[in-house]
Amino acid sequence: MSSGLSQTERVPSTLPQGDPVPADGSLPDQAYAGMAERSLSFYLHVPFCATRCGYCDFNTYTAGELGSAASPDSWLAAALAEIDLAAKVLHEGGDRRAVSTVFVGGGTPSLVGASRLTRLLDAVRERFGLAPDAEVTTEANPESTDPELLAGLRAAGYTRLSLGMQSTSQRVLQILDRTHTAGRALDVVGWARDAGFEHVNLDLIYGTPGESDAEFGRSLDAAIGSGVDHVSAYSLIVEPGTRLARQVRTGALPMTDDDVLADRYLQADRILTAAGFSWYEVSNWATDQSARCRHNLAYWSGDDWWGIGPGAHSHVGGVRWWNVKHPAAYAAALEGGASPGHAREVLDPEARRLEDILLRLRVVDGLDTDLLDPTGRGEAAAAADDGLLVADRLSQGRAVLTLQGRLLADGLALRLAD
């Protein structure tokens, strides 16, 4: 699978608790207030993988894990039904927005084939309409992607491809339990360009136990040399309950030191910047503004999105909800005419302000200091003195991270929000 989607918006294997979701999926009036000022996006979750990677904690399933309980066809029928539900709920509330971005993630979307992914996109187009400049992204695994698949997706209207390369070191890929060969992702980039994809992203993971600076450097060089216009680089997170966590706990693999992770991030920024890429979010670099992932920017900007699929999360106007996890339970709910929502929360103005701070600080434009209370503004001034925020921008009313600040972004955001 790829990790092109912001890791803060991934579909985790464990769902939080919350208030009940109405059976008809209806939203409170708050969700529709100011809707015209926000964009509308769709995230479509494909829960299938050929194998389970040792580090993965996402809501995904192999064929052996599912057995006869669910299939790509039962998932597709349910996803189409949820798109119908979304249209009913939003249109009854007066929403007439065309969709600005669509992101198909997982899991491994390329496993279900171009025809199913085409039907999903067609359903969104028919029920809502796509904006003239809509960005339509699908993730793909190099091993389950070929020129025929890419040609079909491009013909269907997909404009952007996100590939999970992770590393060009075969040794590192083996530690991560990745099944593709080191050069396969680079071949797929060429096929995507031949198919007419406007934008292509490669995902990298750094901090794999035992990975060297040189190995990561070669992965960065290969990504740049492939001709992609976007690179995502994420620090490996050892999630509890995964095979990788067990290997680290038993001493079979060493835990990567935080200082090493910081050095790898600095290495990524240095090499990518020298090659003409610019950071626009802590873990993402693009060659120009048009290459930035607008779908992820919608998350960081607090816009609206409806998540389709098992375990998918949604957010509309400060109302956040998440679907039941298992594909069979998801399909059963929709077959019964009910929302597949597991639970939801309605954010009050203060909760929305705090969330805005946590998300907006991560992007290159930073956040408006009007979002900060007096304590937060004091923390921002101190952070600028410490070299974590750009002093000139802060004097202009924007809290913008420096390179050093990006290394400490999460902790700094909490300081500003408290």
Protein backbone atom coordinates (compact mmCIF):
# COMPACT_ATOMS: atom_id res chain seq x y z
CA MET A 1 0.00 0.00 0.00
CA SER A 2 0.96 3.64 -0.30
CA SER A 3 1.00 6.22 2.47
CA GLY A 4 0.27 9.26 0.31
CA LEU A 5 -2.60 10.23 2.52
CA SER A 6 -1.72 12.37 5.53
CA GLN A 7 -0.96 10.01 8.39
CA THR A 8 -3.23 12.04 10.68
CA GLU A 9 -6.14 11.06 8.43
CA ARG A 10 -5.28 7.38 7.94
CA VAL A 11 -7.86 4.69 8.74
CA PRO A 12 -6.47 3.15 11.96
CA SER A 13 -7.28 -0.35 13.09
CA THR A 14 -8.78 0.88 16.40
CA LEU A 15 -11.73 3.27 16.31
CA PRO A 16 -12.48 5.86 19.00
CA GLN A 17 -15.76 5.95 20.85
CA GLY A 18 -18.32 8.72 20.53
CA ASP A 19 -22.00 9.55 20.26
CA PRO A 20 -24.35 7.36 18.19
CA VAL A 21 -24.73 8.12 14.48
CA PRO A 22 -28.40 8.45 13.40
CA ALA A 23 -29.55 5.48 11.34
CA ASP A 24 -30.34 7.76 8.40
CA GLY A 25 -26.91 9.43 8.61
CA SER A 26 -28.45 12.88 9.07
CA LEU A 27 -26.28 15.74 10.29
CA PRO A 28 -27.05 18.52 12.78
CA ASP A 29 -27.67 22.04 11.44
CA GLN A 30 -24.15 23.04 12.50
CA ALA A 31 -22.70 20.94 9.68
CA TYR A 32 -24.31 23.10 7.01
CA ALA A 33 -23.41 26.52 8.46
CA GLY A 34 -20.88 28.34 6.27
CA MET A 35 -20.74 25.42 3.87
CA ALA A 36 -20.26 27.61 0.79
CA GLU A 37 -16.95 28.82 2.22
CA ARG A 38 -15.51 25.30 2.43
CA SER A 39 -14.55 22.78 -0.25
CA LEU A 40 -16.02 19.26 -0.42
CA SER A 41 -13.83 16.18 -0.85
CA PHE A 42 -14.31 12.42 -0.85
CA TYR A 43 -11.99 9.80 0.59
CA LEU A 44 -12.70 6.26 -0.65
CA HIS A 45 -11.18 3.47 1.44
CA VAL A 46 -10.19 0.18 -0.18
CA PRO A 47 -9.63 -2.29 2.70
CA PHE A 48 -7.84 -5.05 0.78
CA CYS A 49 -4.16 -6.02 0.73
CA ALA A 50 -2.41 -9.02 -0.81
CA THR A 51 -0.24 -9.41 2.29
CA ARG A 52 0.06 -7.58 5.60
CA CYS A 53 3.20 -5.49 6.01
CA GLY A 54 4.92 -5.96 9.36
CA TYR A 55 4.60 -2.27 10.33
CA CYS A 56 0.99 -1.74 9.23
CA ASP A 57 -1.76 -0.89 11.71
CA PHE A 58 -4.33 0.34 9.17
CA ASN A 59 -7.82 -1.07 8.76
CA THR A 60 -6.92 -3.53 6.00
CA TYR A 61 -7.51 -7.23 5.36
CA THR A 62 -5.97 -9.99 3.29
CA ALA A 63 -8.12 -12.56 1.48
CA GLY A 64 -7.19 -15.15 4.08
CA GLU A 65 -8.32 -12.90 6.92
CA LEU A 66 -11.67 -12.18 5.27
CA GLY A 67 -12.52 -15.61 3.92
CA SER A 68 -16.04 -15.53 2.49
CA ALA A 69 -17.16 -12.67 4.77
CA ALA A 70 -16.46 -9.95 2.20
CA SER A 71 -15.11 -9.48 -1.30
CA PRO A 72 -14.17 -6.62 -3.64
CA ASP A 73 -17.64 -6.85 -5.20
CA SER A 74 -19.53 -6.72 -1.89
CA TRP A 75 -17.32 -3.81 -0.82
CA LEU A 76 -17.99 -1.98 -4.10
CA ALA A 77 -21.76 -2.39 -3.79
CA ALA A 78 -21.65 -1.04 -0.24
CA ALA A 79 -19.38 1.87 -1.18
CA LEU A 80 -21.74 2.86 -4.00
CA ALA A 81 -24.63 2.71 -1.52
CA GLU A 82 -22.75 5.00 0.88
CA ILE A 83 -22.12 7.48 -1.92
CA ASP A 84 -25.90 7.51 -2.47
CA LEU A 85 -26.39 8.06 1.27
CA ALA A 86 -23.92 10.96 1.24
CA ALA A 87 -25.80 12.58 -1.64
CA LYS A 88 -29.12 12.23 0.18
CA VAL A 89 -27.80 13.67 3.45
CA LEU A 90 -25.89 16.57 1.93
CA HIS A 91 -28.43 17.52 -0.71
CA GLU A 92 -31.28 17.53 1.80
CA GLY A 93 -29.24 20.05 3.76
CA GLY A 94 -28.97 22.31 0.73
CA ASP A 95 -25.43 21.33 -0.27
CA ARG A 96 -24.90 21.82 -4.00
CA ARG A 97 -21.10 21.93 -4.06
CA ALA A 98 -19.18 20.10 -6.74
CA VAL A 99 -16.43 17.84 -5.41
CA SER A 100 -12.99 19.46 -5.40
CA THR A 101 -10.84 16.42 -4.65
CA VAL A 102 -11.20 12.63 -4.52
CA PHE A 103 -8.62 10.35 -2.90
CA VAL A 104 -8.76 6.56 -3.15
CA GLY A 105 -6.59 5.01 -0.44
CA GLY A 106 -6.19 1.86 1.55
CA GLY A 107 -5.19 -0.84 1.67
CA THR A 108 -4.22 -1.39 -1.94
CA PRO A 109 -6.62 0.25 -4.41
CA SER A 110 -4.78 -1.19 -7.39
CA LEU A 111 -5.81 -4.70 -6.24
CA VAL A 112 -9.49 -4.11 -7.08
CA GLY A 113 -8.80 -3.12 -10.70
CA ALA A 114 -9.57 -0.17 -12.93
CA SER A 115 -13.23 -1.07 -13.57
CA ARG A 116 -14.22 -0.91 -9.88
CA LEU A 117 -12.25 2.28 -9.30
CA THR A 118 -13.91 3.76 -12.38
CA ARG A 119 -17.38 2.92 -11.03
CA LEU A 120 -16.54 4.64 -7.75
CA LEU A 121 -15.41 7.82 -9.45
CA ASP A 122 -18.39 7.75 -11.84
CA ALA A 123 -20.76 7.52 -8.86
CA VAL A 124 -19.21 10.59 -7.22
CA ARG A 125 -19.35 12.44 -10.54
CA GLU A 126 -22.99 11.49 -11.15
CA ARG A 127 -24.26 12.26 -7.62
CA PHE A 128 -22.29 15.43 -6.95
CA GLY A 129 -20.39 16.57 -10.01
CA LEU A 130 -16.66 17.21 -10.11
CA ALA A 131 -15.21 20.71 -10.14
CA PRO A 132 -13.61 21.57 -13.52
CA ASP A 133 -10.14 21.40 -11.96
CA ALA A 134 -10.87 18.49 -9.61
CA GLU A 135 -7.88 16.54 -8.32
CA VAL A 136 -8.52 12.77 -8.40
CA THR A 137 -5.86 10.61 -6.74
CA THR A 138 -5.47 6.91 -6.27
CA GLU A 139 -2.84 5.11 -4.29
CA ALA A 140 -1.24 2.06 -5.86
CA ASN A 141 1.14 -0.71 -4.93
CA PRO A 142 3.95 -1.16 -7.48
CA GLU A 143 3.49 -4.94 -7.69
CA SER A 144 -0.24 -4.76 -8.53
CA THR A 145 0.11 -1.93 -11.05
CA ASP A 146 0.73 -2.25 -14.78
CA PRO A 147 0.37 -0.02 -17.87
CA GLU A 148 -3.13 -1.36 -18.65
CA LEU A 149 -4.42 -0.46 -15.18
CA LEU A 150 -2.95 3.03 -15.40
CA ALA A 151 -4.40 3.64 -18.85
CA GLY A 152 -7.83 2.62 -17.56
CA LEU A 153 -7.60 4.89 -14.53
CA ARG A 154 -6.44 7.86 -16.57
CA ALA A 155 -9.28 7.36 -19.06
CA ALA A 156 -11.72 7.31 -16.12
CA GLY A 157 -10.56 10.74 -14.96
CA TYR A 158 -7.89 10.02 -12.37
CA THR A 159 -5.29 12.81 -12.47
CA ARG A 160 -2.80 11.89 -9.74
CA LEU A 161 -1.03 8.68 -8.69
CA SER A 162 0.57 8.01 -5.31
CA LEU A 163 2.97 5.07 -5.16
CA GLY A 164 4.33 3.36 -2.07
CA MET A 165 8.00 2.95 -2.95
CA GLN A 166 9.18 3.23 0.71
CA SER A 167 12.82 2.41 -0.14
CA THR A 168 15.10 1.29 -2.98
CA SER A 169 17.01 -0.97 -0.60
CA GLN A 170 15.85 -4.55 -0.97
CA ARG A 171 17.09 -5.23 2.55
CA VAL A 172 14.94 -2.44 3.99
CA LEU A 173 11.92 -3.61 2.00
CA GLN A 174 12.36 -7.10 3.44
CA ILE A 175 12.42 -5.73 7.00
CA LEU A 176 9.17 -3.88 6.24
CA ASP A 177 7.67 -7.03 4.70
CA ARG A 178 7.16 -5.23 1.40
CA THR A 179 6.78 -7.62 -1.53
CA HIS A 180 7.76 -5.37 -4.44
CA THR A 181 11.26 -5.23 -5.86
CA ALA A 182 13.31 -2.10 -5.34
CA GLY A 183 13.06 -0.83 -8.92
CA ARG A 184 9.41 -1.64 -9.61
CA ALA A 185 8.06 1.69 -8.35
CA LEU A 186 10.41 3.56 -10.68
CA ASP A 187 9.06 1.58 -13.63
CA VAL A 188 5.51 2.46 -12.60
CA VAL A 189 6.37 6.18 -12.57
CA GLY A 190 7.32 5.93 -16.22
CA TRP A 191 4.15 4.03 -17.08
CA ALA A 192 2.07 6.67 -15.27
CA ARG A 193 3.67 9.47 -17.24
CA ASP A 194 3.08 7.53 -20.47
CA ALA A 195 -0.58 7.11 -19.48
CA GLY A 196 -0.91 10.88 -19.08
CA PHE A 197 -1.04 11.29 -15.31
CA GLU A 198 -0.44 14.95 -14.52
CA HIS A 199 1.07 14.39 -11.10
CA VAL A 200 2.88 11.43 -9.53
CA ASN A 201 3.94 11.04 -5.89
CA LEU A 202 6.41 8.60 -4.39
CA ASP A 203 6.19 7.70 -0.70
CA LEU A 204 9.32 7.04 1.31
CA ILE A 205 9.65 5.69 4.85
CA TYR A 206 12.73 6.53 6.88
CA GLY A 207 13.89 5.11 10.19
CA THR A 208 13.49 1.41 9.42
CA PRO A 209 15.59 -0.53 11.96
CA GLY A 210 19.07 -0.97 10.55
CA GLU A 211 18.62 1.45 7.64
CA SER A 212 21.75 3.49 6.91
CA ASP A 213 22.09 7.13 5.88
CA ALA A 214 23.44 5.93 2.55
CA GLU A 215 20.45 3.66 1.90
CA PHE A 216 18.00 6.46 2.59
CA GLY A 217 20.06 8.84 0.45
CA ARG A 218 19.92 6.41 -2.48
CA SER A 219 16.15 6.18 -2.11
CA LEU A 220 15.86 9.97 -2.21
CA ASP A 221 18.11 10.17 -5.27
CA ALA A 222 16.08 7.49 -7.04
CA ALA A 223 12.80 9.28 -6.31
CA ILE A 224 14.17 12.55 -7.65
CA GLY A 225 15.67 10.87 -10.69
CA SER A 226 12.37 9.19 -11.57
CA GLY A 227 10.85 12.52 -12.58
CA VAL A 228 8.02 12.65 -10.01
CA ASP A 229 6.82 16.09 -8.94
CA HIS A 230 5.90 15.14 -5.34
CA VAL A 231 7.65 13.18 -2.59
CA SER A 232 6.23 12.21 0.80
CA ALA A 233 8.67 11.08 3.49
CA TYR A 234 7.30 9.64 6.73
CA SER A 235 9.12 8.49 9.83
CA LEU A 236 8.43 4.84 10.55
CA ILE A 237 6.07 4.46 13.50
CA VAL A 238 6.30 1.19 15.40
CA GLU A 239 2.61 0.56 16.13
CA PRO A 240 1.66 -1.67 19.09
CA GLY A 241 0.40 -5.09 18.06
CA THR A 242 2.22 -5.22 14.74
CA ARG A 243 4.80 -7.82 13.77
CA LEU A 244 7.45 -5.09 13.70
CA ALA A 245 6.59 -4.09 17.28
CA ARG A 246 7.06 -7.68 18.41
CA GLN A 247 10.43 -7.87 16.66
CA VAL A 248 11.57 -4.67 18.36
CA ARG A 249 10.25 -5.81 21.76
CA THR A 250 12.10 -9.14 21.58
CA GLY A 251 15.33 -7.52 20.41
CA ALA A 252 15.24 -9.11 16.96
CA LEU A 253 15.37 -5.59 15.48
CA PRO A 254 16.80 -2.41 17.04
CA MET A 255 14.55 0.58 17.77
CA THR A 256 15.67 3.58 15.72
CA ASP A 257 16.92 6.47 17.87
CA ASP A 258 14.99 9.78 17.77
CA ASP A 259 18.19 11.65 16.92
CA VAL A 260 18.66 9.40 13.90
CA LEU A 261 15.09 10.11 12.78
CA ALA A 262 15.75 13.86 13.05
CA ASP A 263 18.95 13.50 11.01
CA ARG A 264 17.05 11.56 8.32
CA TYR A 265 14.42 14.29 8.10
CA LEU A 266 17.11 16.93 7.69
CA GLN A 267 18.75 14.73 5.05
CA ALA A 268 15.45 14.49 3.16
CA ASP A 269 14.84 18.22 3.26
CA ARG A 270 18.39 19.04 2.19
CA ILE A 271 18.44 16.66 -0.77
CA LEU A 272 14.91 17.41 -1.96
CA THR A 273 15.39 21.18 -1.66
CA ALA A 274 18.61 21.02 -3.64
CA ALA A 275 16.73 19.13 -6.38
CA GLY A 276 14.06 21.84 -6.70
CA PHE A 277 11.41 20.49 -4.34
CA SER A 278 9.88 22.72 -1.66
CA TRP A 279 8.21 21.64 1.54
CA TYR A 280 4.56 22.63 1.87
CA GLU A 281 3.63 20.34 4.77
CA VAL A 282 5.95 18.79 7.34
CA SER A 283 6.18 15.44 5.52
CA ASN A 284 5.54 16.55 1.93
CA TRP A 285 7.57 18.25 -0.79
CA ALA A 286 6.49 19.33 -4.30
CA THR A 287 8.20 20.85 -7.32
CA ASP A 288 5.63 23.65 -7.59
CA GLN A 289 2.26 24.69 -6.22
CA SER A 290 0.29 22.73 -8.82
CA ALA A 291 2.00 19.52 -7.67
CA ARG A 292 0.85 19.86 -4.06
CA CYS A 293 -1.77 17.33 -2.94
CA ARG A 294 -4.90 19.45 -2.66
CA HIS A 295 -6.81 16.62 -1.01
CA ASN A 296 -4.47 16.57 1.96
CA LEU A 297 -4.46 20.37 2.06
CA ALA A 298 -8.24 20.17 2.50
CA TYR A 299 -7.67 18.13 5.67
CA TRP A 300 -5.11 20.55 7.05
CA SER A 301 -7.37 23.51 6.22
CA GLY A 302 -10.42 22.11 8.00
CA ASP A 303 -12.56 21.74 4.88
CA ASP A 304 -15.29 19.09 4.46
CA TRP A 305 -14.82 15.50 3.40
CA TRP A 306 -16.94 12.37 3.40
CA GLY A 307 -15.06 9.12 3.98
CA ILE A 308 -16.51 6.15 2.10
CA GLY A 309 -15.66 2.60 3.18
CA PRO A 310 -15.08 0.44 6.27
CA GLY A 311 -13.49 2.43 9.09
CA ALA A 312 -13.35 5.62 7.01
CA HIS A 313 -13.53 8.96 8.84
CA SER A 314 -15.57 11.98 7.73
CA HIS A 315 -15.78 15.65 8.69
CA VAL A 316 -18.46 18.16 7.70
CA GLY A 317 -18.75 21.51 9.42
CA GLY A 318 -17.27 20.43 12.73
CA VAL A 319 -19.16 17.12 12.80
CA ARG A 320 -16.77 14.19 12.71
CA TRP A 321 -17.81 10.53 12.38
CA TRP A 322 -16.26 7.18 11.55
CA ASN A 323 -17.60 3.99 10.02
CA VAL A 324 -17.66 0.46 11.42
CA LYS A 325 -14.39 -1.34 10.76
CA HIS A 326 -15.10 -4.72 9.25
CA PRO A 327 -16.08 -4.86 5.55
CA ALA A 328 -18.86 -7.39 6.30
CA ALA A 329 -20.40 -5.20 9.03
CA TYR A 330 -20.05 -2.16 6.79
CA ALA A 331 -21.86 -3.87 3.91
CA ALA A 332 -24.56 -5.28 6.21
CA ALA A 333 -25.44 -1.83 7.55
CA LEU A 334 -25.86 -0.34 4.08
CA GLU A 335 -27.77 -3.37 2.79
CA GLY A 336 -30.19 -2.77 5.66
CA GLY A 337 -30.66 0.85 4.61
CA ALA A 338 -28.73 2.30 7.55
CA SER A 339 -25.67 4.48 7.92
CA PRO A 340 -22.47 2.48 8.49
CA GLY A 341 -21.38 5.10 11.04
CA HIS A 342 -19.89 3.63 14.23
CA ALA A 343 -19.85 6.86 16.26
CA ARG A 344 -19.46 10.61 15.92
CA GLU A 345 -18.55 13.78 17.77
CA VAL A 346 -19.79 17.33 17.33
CA LEU A 347 -16.95 19.78 17.86
CA ASP A 348 -17.72 23.00 19.72
CA PRO A 349 -16.06 26.29 18.61
CA GLU A 350 -13.17 25.88 21.06
CA ALA A 351 -12.46 22.33 19.92
CA ARG A 352 -12.49 23.48 16.29
CA ARG A 353 -10.09 26.32 17.12
CA LEU A 354 -7.66 23.93 18.79
CA GLU A 355 -7.88 21.50 15.89
CA ASP A 356 -7.18 24.32 13.46
CA ILE A 357 -4.02 25.17 15.38
CA LEU A 358 -2.80 21.57 15.38
CA LEU A 359 -3.37 21.13 11.64
CA ARG A 360 -2.61 24.53 10.14
CA LEU A 361 0.75 24.87 11.85
CA ARG A 362 2.00 21.91 9.75
CA VAL A 363 1.71 23.73 6.41
CA VAL A 364 4.08 26.21 4.82
CA ASP A 365 1.66 29.14 5.15
CA GLY A 366 1.35 28.49 8.87
CA LEU A 367 -1.56 29.71 10.96
CA ASP A 368 -3.10 33.08 11.66
CA THR A 369 -2.07 34.14 15.15
CA ASP A 370 -5.62 35.41 15.71
CA LEU A 371 -6.40 31.74 16.40
CA LEU A 372 -4.17 31.89 19.47
CA ASP A 373 -5.23 33.06 22.90
CA PRO A 374 -2.89 35.35 24.91
CA THR A 375 -1.03 32.36 26.37
CA GLY A 376 -0.60 30.85 22.90
CA ARG A 377 0.73 34.12 21.50
CA GLY A 378 3.24 34.23 24.32
CA GLU A 379 4.32 30.69 23.49
CA ALA A 380 4.65 31.68 19.84
CA ALA A 381 6.95 34.60 20.73
CA ALA A 382 9.08 32.28 22.84
CA ALA A 383 9.19 29.73 20.01
CA ALA A 384 10.38 32.41 17.61
CA ASP A 385 13.13 33.36 20.07
CA ASP A 386 14.12 29.67 20.16
CA GLY A 387 14.29 29.51 16.36
CA LEU A 388 11.23 27.29 15.94
CA LEU A 389 9.02 29.90 14.22
CA VAL A 390 10.01 32.40 11.52
CA ALA A 391 10.33 35.69 13.41
CA ASP A 392 9.54 37.95 10.46
CA ARG A 393 6.37 36.04 9.64
CA LEU A 394 5.27 36.07 13.28
CA SER A 395 5.54 39.86 13.32
CA GLN A 396 3.16 39.81 10.33
CA GLY A 397 0.61 37.68 12.20
CA ARG A 398 1.55 34.21 10.88
CA ALA A 399 3.06 31.36 12.89
CA VAL A 400 5.28 29.55 10.35
CA LEU A 401 7.65 26.73 11.22
CA THR A 402 11.37 26.95 10.64
CA LEU A 403 13.28 23.82 9.64
CA GLN A 404 14.10 23.20 13.29
CA GLY A 405 10.47 23.86 14.16
CA ARG A 406 9.33 21.18 11.74
CA LEU A 407 11.29 18.62 13.76
CA LEU A 408 9.24 19.58 16.82
CA ALA A 409 5.96 20.45 15.09
CA ASP A 410 3.62 18.25 17.13
CA GLY A 411 4.92 19.38 20.50
CA LEU A 412 4.98 23.02 19.45
CA ALA A 413 1.39 22.83 18.20
CA LEU A 414 0.32 21.55 21.60
CA ARG A 415 2.16 24.43 23.29
CA LEU A 416 0.36 26.98 21.11
CA ALA A 417 -3.01 25.31 21.63
CA ASP A 418 -2.83 24.97 25.42
